[in-house]
Amino acid sequence: METYRLHQDHALYYLTFSIIDWLPVFIAVEPCSIITESLNFCHREKHLRTNAFVIMPTHIHWIGFDAEFDTRRLGDTITAFRKFTGQRLSDYCDRHMPRALSETLRRTGRTDRERQFWQQSRHPEAIYKREFWQTKIIYLHDNPRRKGLVLDPLSWRFSSAAYWLQEPRGHSDVILSAVEW
């Protein structure tokens, strides 16, 4: 299985966090709020900066960086974020989702843990050019519309689209940080 690698010479990253077996967990406010509250905690306490995000039913796309461009700390923070949210979201699934979903989280074949929420890979892509960043921002914000979940990307609550694309700026559940080129 691919493991993610953050490189010291890149500070801004596009990451995808996918749920095991692409299970549709992010279909209610509570699991999405676990993600948004965790991102905000990491912003306040761990120097994590979110430039853009979207929470889809089965995965998350995220563009971010460390406040001081410390790639090692960024990697540590992402690992802690995934561990914490994976445990909280697995607990949520045990309490609120069909039993078959919780059983899937337990049947991952991993010997180092009882349950696994996130797929192992994070699919990191270093962003080092404005054009590539713009491509990822457009893809990320348009994802809910492309998947038929909304007619207009600005309508998807758990996304940074309304904040970045609307005048005046719309609401975001996550503290967002601009990228200067």
C-alpha atoms as a PDB file:
ATOM      1  CA  MET A   1       0.000   0.000   0.000  1.00  0.00           C
ATOM      2  CA  GLU A   2       1.249   3.460  -0.878  1.00  0.00           C
ATOM      3  CA  THR A   3       2.319   5.553   2.079  1.00  0.00           C
ATOM      4  CA  TYR A   4       2.326   9.299   1.914  1.00  0.00           C
ATOM      5  CA  ARG A   5       5.468  11.337   1.706  1.00  0.00           C
ATOM      6  CA  LEU A   6       5.814  15.012   2.379  1.00  0.00           C
ATOM      7  CA  HIS A   7       9.027  16.487   1.056  1.00  0.00           C
ATOM      8  CA  GLN A   8      11.027  19.175   2.829  1.00  0.00           C
ATOM      9  CA  ASP A   9      11.243  21.322  -0.293  1.00  0.00           C
ATOM     10  CA  HIS A  10       7.438  21.676  -0.610  1.00  0.00           C
ATOM     11  CA  ALA A  11       5.173  23.440   1.870  1.00  0.00           C
ATOM     12  CA  LEU A  12       1.679  23.358   0.326  1.00  0.00           C
ATOM     13  CA  TYR A  13      -0.115  20.051  -0.237  1.00  0.00           C
ATOM     14  CA  TYR A  14      -3.290  18.647  -1.746  1.00  0.00           C
ATOM     15  CA  LEU A  15      -4.405  15.530   0.132  1.00  0.00           C
ATOM     16  CA  THR A  16      -7.282  13.090  -0.154  1.00  0.00           C
ATOM     17  CA  PHE A  17      -8.507  11.124   2.864  1.00  0.00           C
ATOM     18  CA  SER A  18     -10.764   8.234   1.831  1.00  0.00           C
ATOM     19  CA  ILE A  19     -12.852   5.998   4.071  1.00  0.00           C
ATOM     20  CA  ILE A  20     -12.185   2.244   4.030  1.00  0.00           C
ATOM     21  CA  ASP A  21     -14.167   0.602   1.205  1.00  0.00           C
ATOM     22  CA  TRP A  22     -15.498   4.056   0.277  1.00  0.00           C
ATOM     23  CA  LEU A  23     -18.193   3.782   2.940  1.00  0.00           C
ATOM     24  CA  PRO A  24     -20.636   6.756   2.908  1.00  0.00           C
ATOM     25  CA  VAL A  25     -20.171   8.079   6.446  1.00  0.00           C
ATOM     26  CA  PHE A  26     -20.258  11.839   5.777  1.00  0.00           C
ATOM     27  CA  ILE A  27     -23.994  11.960   5.114  1.00  0.00           C
ATOM     28  CA  ALA A  28     -25.028  13.776   8.298  1.00  0.00           C
ATOM     29  CA  VAL A  29     -23.863  16.897  10.104  1.00  0.00           C
ATOM     30  CA  GLU A  30     -22.304  15.099  13.105  1.00  0.00           C
ATOM     31  CA  PRO A  31     -19.549  13.161  11.292  1.00  0.00           C
ATOM     32  CA  CYS A  32     -18.754  16.211   9.143  1.00  0.00           C
ATOM     33  CA  SER A  33     -18.521  18.310  12.300  1.00  0.00           C
ATOM     34  CA  ILE A  34     -15.954  15.887  13.734  1.00  0.00           C
ATOM     35  CA  ILE A  35     -13.766  16.781  10.750  1.00  0.00           C
ATOM     36  CA  THR A  36     -14.376  20.537  10.834  1.00  0.00           C
ATOM     37  CA  GLU A  37     -13.878  20.805  14.602  1.00  0.00           C
ATOM     38  CA  SER A  38     -10.671  18.769  14.353  1.00  0.00           C
ATOM     39  CA  LEU A  39      -9.316  20.968  11.559  1.00  0.00           C
ATOM     40  CA  ASN A  40     -10.102  24.057  13.642  1.00  0.00           C
ATOM     41  CA  PHE A  41      -8.406  22.540  16.707  1.00  0.00           C
ATOM     42  CA  CYS A  42      -5.329  21.765  14.616  1.00  0.00           C
ATOM     43  CA  HIS A  43      -5.384  25.361  13.350  1.00  0.00           C
ATOM     44  CA  ARG A  44      -5.435  26.771  16.892  1.00  0.00           C
ATOM     45  CA  GLU A  45      -3.145  24.263  18.601  1.00  0.00           C
ATOM     46  CA  LYS A  46      -0.947  22.586  15.979  1.00  0.00           C
ATOM     47  CA  HIS A  47      -0.113  25.271  13.368  1.00  0.00           C
ATOM     48  CA  LEU A  48      -2.172  23.543  10.656  1.00  0.00           C
ATOM     49  CA  ARG A  49      -3.570  25.838   7.991  1.00  0.00           C
ATOM     50  CA  THR A  50      -6.433  24.912   5.688  1.00  0.00           C
ATOM     51  CA  ASN A  51      -6.541  26.717   2.393  1.00  0.00           C
ATOM     52  CA  ALA A  52      -9.459  24.777   0.878  1.00  0.00           C
ATOM     53  CA  PHE A  53     -11.487  21.651   1.624  1.00  0.00           C
ATOM     54  CA  VAL A  54     -14.523  19.638   0.699  1.00  0.00           C
ATOM     55  CA  ILE A  55     -16.109  16.805   2.658  1.00  0.00           C
ATOM     56  CA  MET A  56     -17.759  14.326   0.300  1.00  0.00           C
ATOM     57  CA  PRO A  57     -19.851  11.339   1.506  1.00  0.00           C
ATOM     58  CA  THR A  58     -16.894   8.926   1.193  1.00  0.00           C
ATOM     59  CA  HIS A  59     -13.782  11.095   1.276  1.00  0.00           C
ATOM     60  CA  ILE A  60     -12.226  14.495   1.932  1.00  0.00           C
ATOM     61  CA  HIS A  61     -10.100  16.699  -0.293  1.00  0.00           C
ATOM     62  CA  TRP A  62      -7.886  19.179   1.546  1.00  0.00           C
ATOM     63  CA  ILE A  63      -5.296  21.791   0.610  1.00  0.00           C
ATOM     64  CA  GLY A  64      -3.135  23.006   3.448  1.00  0.00           C
ATOM     65  CA  PHE A  65       0.197  23.774   4.998  1.00  0.00           C
ATOM     66  CA  ASP A  66       1.993  24.335   8.288  1.00  0.00           C
ATOM     67  CA  ALA A  67       1.869  27.947   9.543  1.00  0.00           C
ATOM     68  CA  GLU A  68       5.671  28.101   9.643  1.00  0.00           C
ATOM     69  CA  PHE A  69       6.157  25.840   6.600  1.00  0.00           C
ATOM     70  CA  ASP A  70       7.577  23.079   8.809  1.00  0.00           C
ATOM     71  CA  THR A  71       6.981  19.991   6.679  1.00  0.00           C
ATOM     72  CA  ARG A  72       7.974  17.553   9.429  1.00  0.00           C
ATOM     73  CA  ARG A  73       5.446  19.075  11.825  1.00  0.00           C
ATOM     74  CA  LEU A  74       2.851  19.103   9.027  1.00  0.00           C
ATOM     75  CA  GLY A  75       3.304  15.350   8.599  1.00  0.00           C
ATOM     76  CA  ASP A  76       3.032  14.767  12.351  1.00  0.00           C
ATOM     77  CA  THR A  77      -0.103  16.918  12.549  1.00  0.00           C
ATOM     78  CA  ILE A  78      -1.776  15.113   9.659  1.00  0.00           C
ATOM     79  CA  THR A  79      -0.981  11.761  11.274  1.00  0.00           C
ATOM     80  CA  ALA A  80      -2.466  12.939  14.605  1.00  0.00           C
ATOM     81  CA  PHE A  81      -5.512  14.388  12.826  1.00  0.00           C
ATOM     82  CA  ARG A  82      -6.178  11.111  11.007  1.00  0.00           C
ATOM     83  CA  LYS A  83      -5.702   9.023  14.143  1.00  0.00           C
ATOM     84  CA  PHE A  84      -8.002  11.206  16.265  1.00  0.00           C
ATOM     85  CA  THR A  85     -10.726  11.582  13.637  1.00  0.00           C
ATOM     86  CA  GLY A  86     -10.519   7.891  12.708  1.00  0.00           C
ATOM     87  CA  GLN A  87     -11.217   6.904  16.322  1.00  0.00           C
ATOM     88  CA  ARG A  88     -14.025   9.444  16.756  1.00  0.00           C
ATOM     89  CA  LEU A  89     -15.639   8.559  13.436  1.00  0.00           C
ATOM     90  CA  SER A  90     -15.380   4.813  14.121  1.00  0.00           C
ATOM     91  CA  ASP A  91     -17.124   5.421  17.457  1.00  0.00           C
ATOM     92  CA  TYR A  92     -19.789   7.455  15.630  1.00  0.00           C
ATOM     93  CA  CYS A  93     -20.323   4.567  13.203  1.00  0.00           C
ATOM     94  CA  ASP A  94     -20.682   2.097  16.098  1.00  0.00           C
ATOM     95  CA  ARG A  95     -23.414   4.271  17.647  1.00  0.00           C
ATOM     96  CA  HIS A  96     -25.300   5.616  14.615  1.00  0.00           C
ATOM     97  CA  MET A  97     -24.650   3.610  11.468  1.00  0.00           C
ATOM     98  CA  PRO A  98     -25.836   0.135  10.400  1.00  0.00           C
ATOM     99  CA  ARG A  99     -23.914  -2.684  12.064  1.00  0.00           C
ATOM    100  CA  ALA A 100     -22.551  -3.871   8.705  1.00  0.00           C
ATOM    101  CA  LEU A 101     -20.635  -0.612   8.363  1.00  0.00           C
ATOM    102  CA  SER A 102     -19.002  -0.972  11.799  1.00  0.00           C
ATOM    103  CA  GLU A 103     -18.160  -4.591  11.019  1.00  0.00           C
ATOM    104  CA  THR A 104     -16.407  -3.476   7.833  1.00  0.00           C
ATOM    105  CA  LEU A 105     -14.215  -1.133   9.892  1.00  0.00           C
ATOM    106  CA  ARG A 106     -13.223  -4.123  12.037  1.00  0.00           C
ATOM    107  CA  ARG A 107     -12.495  -6.494   9.100  1.00  0.00           C
ATOM    108  CA  THR A 108      -9.635  -4.565   7.561  1.00  0.00           C
ATOM    109  CA  GLY A 109      -7.007  -7.232   8.096  1.00  0.00           C
ATOM    110  CA  ARG A 110      -4.844  -4.895  10.148  1.00  0.00           C
ATOM    111  CA  THR A 111      -3.115  -6.475  13.126  1.00  0.00           C
ATOM    112  CA  ASP A 112      -2.018  -3.208  14.735  1.00  0.00           C
ATOM    113  CA  ARG A 113      -5.536  -1.935  15.490  1.00  0.00           C
ATOM    114  CA  GLU A 114      -9.057  -3.080  16.214  1.00  0.00           C
ATOM    115  CA  ARG A 115     -10.668  -0.820  13.604  1.00  0.00           C
ATOM    116  CA  GLN A 116      -9.503   1.173  10.623  1.00  0.00           C
ATOM    117  CA  PHE A 117     -11.511   4.138   9.396  1.00  0.00           C
ATOM    118  CA  TRP A 118      -9.228   5.799   6.837  1.00  0.00           C
ATOM    119  CA  GLN A 119      -7.613   4.115   3.873  1.00  0.00           C
ATOM    120  CA  GLN A 120      -3.875   4.033   4.386  1.00  0.00           C
ATOM    121  CA  SER A 121      -2.927   6.326   1.515  1.00  0.00           C
ATOM    122  CA  ARG A 122      -3.406  10.076   1.585  1.00  0.00           C
ATOM    123  CA  HIS A 123      -2.492  10.624  -2.071  1.00  0.00           C
ATOM    124  CA  PRO A 124      -0.328  13.690  -1.351  1.00  0.00           C
ATOM    125  CA  GLU A 125       0.452  16.059  -4.142  1.00  0.00           C
ATOM    126  CA  ALA A 126       2.895  18.898  -3.542  1.00  0.00           C
ATOM    127  CA  ILE A 127       1.661  22.207  -4.908  1.00  0.00           C
ATOM    128  CA  TYR A 128       4.454  24.422  -6.112  1.00  0.00           C
ATOM    129  CA  LYS A 129       2.867  26.370  -8.977  1.00  0.00           C
ATOM    130  CA  ARG A 130      -0.113  28.702  -8.948  1.00  0.00           C
ATOM    131  CA  GLU A 131      -1.609  26.992 -12.015  1.00  0.00           C
ATOM    132  CA  PHE A 132      -1.573  23.560 -10.359  1.00  0.00           C
ATOM    133  CA  TRP A 133      -3.093  25.054  -7.186  1.00  0.00           C
ATOM    134  CA  GLN A 134      -5.882  26.638  -9.252  1.00  0.00           C
ATOM    135  CA  THR A 135      -6.579  23.304 -10.947  1.00  0.00           C
ATOM    136  CA  LYS A 136      -6.895  21.584  -7.571  1.00  0.00           C
ATOM    137  CA  ILE A 137      -9.083  24.368  -6.111  1.00  0.00           C
ATOM    138  CA  ILE A 138     -11.467  24.168  -9.065  1.00  0.00           C
ATOM    139  CA  TYR A 139     -11.588  20.353  -8.888  1.00  0.00           C
ATOM    140  CA  LEU A 140     -12.121  20.341  -5.128  1.00  0.00           C
ATOM    141  CA  HIS A 141     -14.876  22.983  -5.087  1.00  0.00           C
ATOM    142  CA  ASP A 142     -16.692  21.514  -8.089  1.00  0.00           C
ATOM    143  CA  ASN A 143     -16.627  17.934  -6.763  1.00  0.00           C
ATOM    144  CA  PRO A 144     -20.130  17.990  -5.163  1.00  0.00           C
ATOM    145  CA  ARG A 145     -21.666  19.333  -8.402  1.00  0.00           C
ATOM    146  CA  ARG A 146     -19.794  16.834 -10.597  1.00  0.00           C
ATOM    147  CA  LYS A 147     -21.038  13.981  -8.389  1.00  0.00           C
ATOM    148  CA  GLY A 148     -24.648  15.206  -8.681  1.00  0.00           C
ATOM    149  CA  LEU A 149     -25.028  16.212  -5.037  1.00  0.00           C
ATOM    150  CA  VAL A 150     -25.815  19.884  -5.744  1.00  0.00           C
ATOM    151  CA  LEU A 151     -26.485  22.063  -8.767  1.00  0.00           C
ATOM    152  CA  ASP A 152     -24.129  24.798  -7.589  1.00  0.00           C
ATOM    153  CA  PRO A 153     -20.875  24.178  -5.657  1.00  0.00           C
ATOM    154  CA  LEU A 154     -21.672  27.202  -3.455  1.00  0.00           C
ATOM    155  CA  SER A 155     -24.612  25.212  -2.041  1.00  0.00           C
ATOM    156  CA  TRP A 156     -22.457  22.438  -0.530  1.00  0.00           C
ATOM    157  CA  ARG A 157     -22.130  23.240   3.186  1.00  0.00           C
ATOM    158  CA  PHE A 158     -18.989  21.296   4.020  1.00  0.00           C
ATOM    159  CA  SER A 159     -16.730  23.020   1.543  1.00  0.00           C
ATOM    160  CA  SER A 160     -14.690  26.191   1.300  1.00  0.00           C
ATOM    161  CA  ALA A 161     -16.371  27.101  -2.021  1.00  0.00           C
ATOM    162  CA  ALA A 162     -18.828  29.660  -0.593  1.00  0.00           C
ATOM    163  CA  TYR A 163     -16.056  31.340   1.374  1.00  0.00           C
ATOM    164  CA  TRP A 164     -13.619  31.698  -1.525  1.00  0.00           C
ATOM    165  CA  LEU A 165     -15.966  32.063  -4.498  1.00  0.00           C
ATOM    166  CA  GLN A 166     -18.887  34.133  -3.206  1.00  0.00           C
ATOM    167  CA  GLU A 167     -19.057  37.916  -2.819  1.00  0.00           C
ATOM    168  CA  PRO A 168     -19.419  38.762  -0.036  1.00  0.00           C
ATOM    169  CA  ARG A 169     -17.665  35.736   1.363  1.00  0.00           C
ATOM    170  CA  GLY A 170     -19.929  32.945   2.494  1.00  0.00           C
ATOM    171  CA  HIS A 171     -19.719  30.874   5.657  1.00  0.00           C
ATOM    172  CA  SER A 172     -17.115  28.186   6.271  1.00  0.00           C
ATOM    173  CA  ASP A 173     -17.137  25.721   9.151  1.00  0.00           C
ATOM    174  CA  VAL A 174     -13.338  25.601   8.954  1.00  0.00           C
ATOM    175  CA  ILE A 175     -10.901  28.439   9.623  1.00  0.00           C
ATOM    176  CA  LEU A 176      -9.361  29.157   6.207  1.00  0.00           C
ATOM    177  CA  SER A 177      -5.982  30.634   5.319  1.00  0.00           C
ATOM    178  CA  ALA A 178      -5.112  32.311   2.047  1.00  0.00           C
ATOM    179  CA  VAL A 179      -2.138  31.320  -0.074  1.00  0.00           C
ATOM    180  CA  GLU A 180      -0.028  34.151  -1.440  1.00  0.00           C
ATOM    181  CA  TRP A 181       1.783  33.528  -4.721  1.00  0.00           C
END
